[in-house]
Amino acid sequence: MAYISKIDIDRVFHALGDPTRRAILEKLSLGPAAVSTLAAPLKITVAAVVQHMQVLEDSGLVQTEKVGRVRTCRMEPAGLSIAERWVTERRNAWEKRLDRLGALLAEES
């Protein structure tokens, strides 16, 4: 399994920590969208969405492409795998601890 750097983890969780960015990701999970399309239901300016997109792009959660005047955004599934792997590693460690505790308690019965 590849090493996940603390910086990568911090960037992903920072990006996911904001409700507006999570809403943007929810919309992008349905497919690519233009920044102006993302801004409309959020009731924020296109400039504000661009700032959120920069954080999401820096974290590896989205990719953007500008063609003419339109910036299209799409989700980058590999970015979510960083969070998934971090959570899975912690869950596995706790499951092992609980298994050892269960075995110890079973011995004492």
Protein backbone atom coordinates (compact mmCIF):
# COMPACT_ATOMS: atom_id res chain seq x y z
CA MET A 1 0.00 0.00 0.00
CA ALA A 2 1.33 3.41 -0.97
CA TYR A 3 2.29 5.90 1.70
CA ILE A 4 -0.17 8.74 2.32
CA SER A 5 1.54 11.94 3.36
CA LYS A 6 0.23 14.01 6.25
CA ILE A 7 0.01 16.99 3.91
CA ASP A 8 -2.25 15.05 1.51
CA ILE A 9 -4.49 13.91 4.35
CA ASP A 10 -4.66 17.41 5.83
CA ARG A 11 -5.61 18.94 2.46
CA VAL A 12 -8.37 16.41 1.81
CA PHE A 13 -9.92 16.72 5.26
CA HIS A 14 -9.61 20.51 5.15
CA ALA A 15 -11.45 20.52 1.83
CA LEU A 16 -14.12 18.13 3.13
CA GLY A 17 -14.53 20.13 6.34
CA ASP A 18 -16.46 22.93 4.65
CA PRO A 19 -20.21 22.40 3.99
CA THR A 20 -20.13 24.45 0.78
CA ARG A 21 -17.31 22.35 -0.64
CA ARG A 22 -19.16 19.17 0.34
CA ALA A 23 -22.25 20.49 -1.48
CA ILE A 24 -20.10 21.16 -4.55
CA LEU A 25 -18.75 17.61 -4.40
CA GLU A 26 -22.29 16.24 -4.07
CA LYS A 27 -23.26 18.07 -7.26
CA LEU A 28 -20.10 16.92 -9.05
CA SER A 29 -20.76 13.31 -8.04
CA LEU A 30 -23.63 13.48 -10.57
CA GLY A 31 -21.25 14.54 -13.34
CA PRO A 32 -19.10 17.43 -14.57
CA ALA A 33 -20.50 20.94 -14.21
CA ALA A 34 -19.58 24.51 -15.04
CA VAL A 35 -18.65 26.81 -12.15
CA SER A 36 -21.70 28.99 -12.90
CA THR A 37 -23.95 25.92 -12.66
CA LEU A 38 -22.43 25.04 -9.29
CA ALA A 39 -22.88 28.58 -7.97
CA ALA A 40 -26.61 28.93 -8.74
CA PRO A 41 -28.16 26.58 -6.13
CA LEU A 42 -25.59 27.58 -3.51
CA LYS A 43 -26.62 31.22 -3.75
CA ILE A 44 -23.00 32.36 -3.75
CA THR A 45 -21.03 34.22 -6.36
CA VAL A 46 -19.09 32.54 -9.12
CA ALA A 47 -15.95 34.09 -7.60
CA ALA A 48 -16.69 32.36 -4.28
CA VAL A 49 -17.17 29.02 -6.04
CA VAL A 50 -13.84 29.53 -7.83
CA GLN A 51 -12.15 29.98 -4.45
CA HIS A 52 -13.75 26.78 -3.15
CA MET A 53 -12.76 25.00 -6.35
CA GLN A 54 -9.14 26.01 -5.80
CA VAL A 55 -9.16 24.32 -2.38
CA LEU A 56 -10.84 21.22 -3.84
CA GLU A 57 -8.37 21.11 -6.72
CA ASP A 58 -5.37 21.56 -4.41
CA SER A 59 -6.62 18.62 -2.36
CA GLY A 60 -6.91 16.40 -5.43
CA LEU A 61 -10.69 15.99 -5.06
CA VAL A 62 -11.58 17.75 -8.33
CA GLN A 63 -10.06 18.74 -11.63
CA THR A 64 -11.02 21.80 -13.60
CA GLU A 65 -10.59 22.64 -17.23
CA LYS A 66 -11.13 26.01 -18.84
CA VAL A 67 -12.33 26.13 -22.43
CA GLY A 68 -12.94 29.65 -23.60
CA ARG A 69 -14.84 31.42 -20.83
CA VAL A 70 -16.28 28.27 -19.28
CA ARG A 71 -14.51 26.45 -16.46
CA THR A 72 -15.80 22.88 -16.18
CA CYS A 73 -15.22 20.91 -13.00
CA ARG A 74 -15.27 17.17 -12.42
CA MET A 75 -14.75 14.98 -9.43
CA GLU A 76 -11.46 13.13 -9.12
CA PRO A 77 -12.20 9.77 -7.42
CA ALA A 78 -8.54 9.22 -6.53
CA GLY A 79 -8.74 12.20 -4.17
CA LEU A 80 -11.44 10.52 -2.11
CA SER A 81 -9.34 7.37 -1.87
CA ILE A 82 -6.91 9.26 0.40
CA ALA A 83 -9.66 9.85 2.96
CA GLU A 84 -11.00 6.35 2.50
CA ARG A 85 -7.59 4.75 3.08
CA TRP A 86 -6.93 6.91 6.16
CA VAL A 87 -10.29 5.95 7.71
CA THR A 88 -9.85 2.28 6.77
CA GLU A 89 -6.40 2.13 8.38
CA ARG A 90 -7.76 3.55 11.63
CA ARG A 91 -10.80 1.25 11.58
CA ASN A 92 -8.59 -1.80 10.97
CA ALA A 93 -6.31 -0.86 13.87
CA TRP A 94 -9.29 -0.52 16.24
CA GLU A 95 -10.84 -3.77 15.03
CA LYS A 96 -7.57 -5.60 15.79
CA ARG A 97 -7.48 -4.07 19.28
CA LEU A 98 -11.08 -5.05 19.94
CA ASP A 99 -10.43 -8.58 18.64
CA ARG A 100 -7.49 -8.92 21.05
CA LEU A 101 -9.64 -7.62 23.90
CA GLY A 102 -12.40 -10.08 23.00
CA ALA A 103 -9.91 -12.96 22.96
CA LEU A 104 -8.50 -11.89 26.33
CA LEU A 105 -11.97 -11.68 27.87
CA ALA A 106 -12.90 -15.08 26.41
CA GLU A 107 -9.79 -16.61 28.04
CA GLU A 108 -10.79 -15.26 31.43
CA SER A 109 -14.32 -16.73 31.26
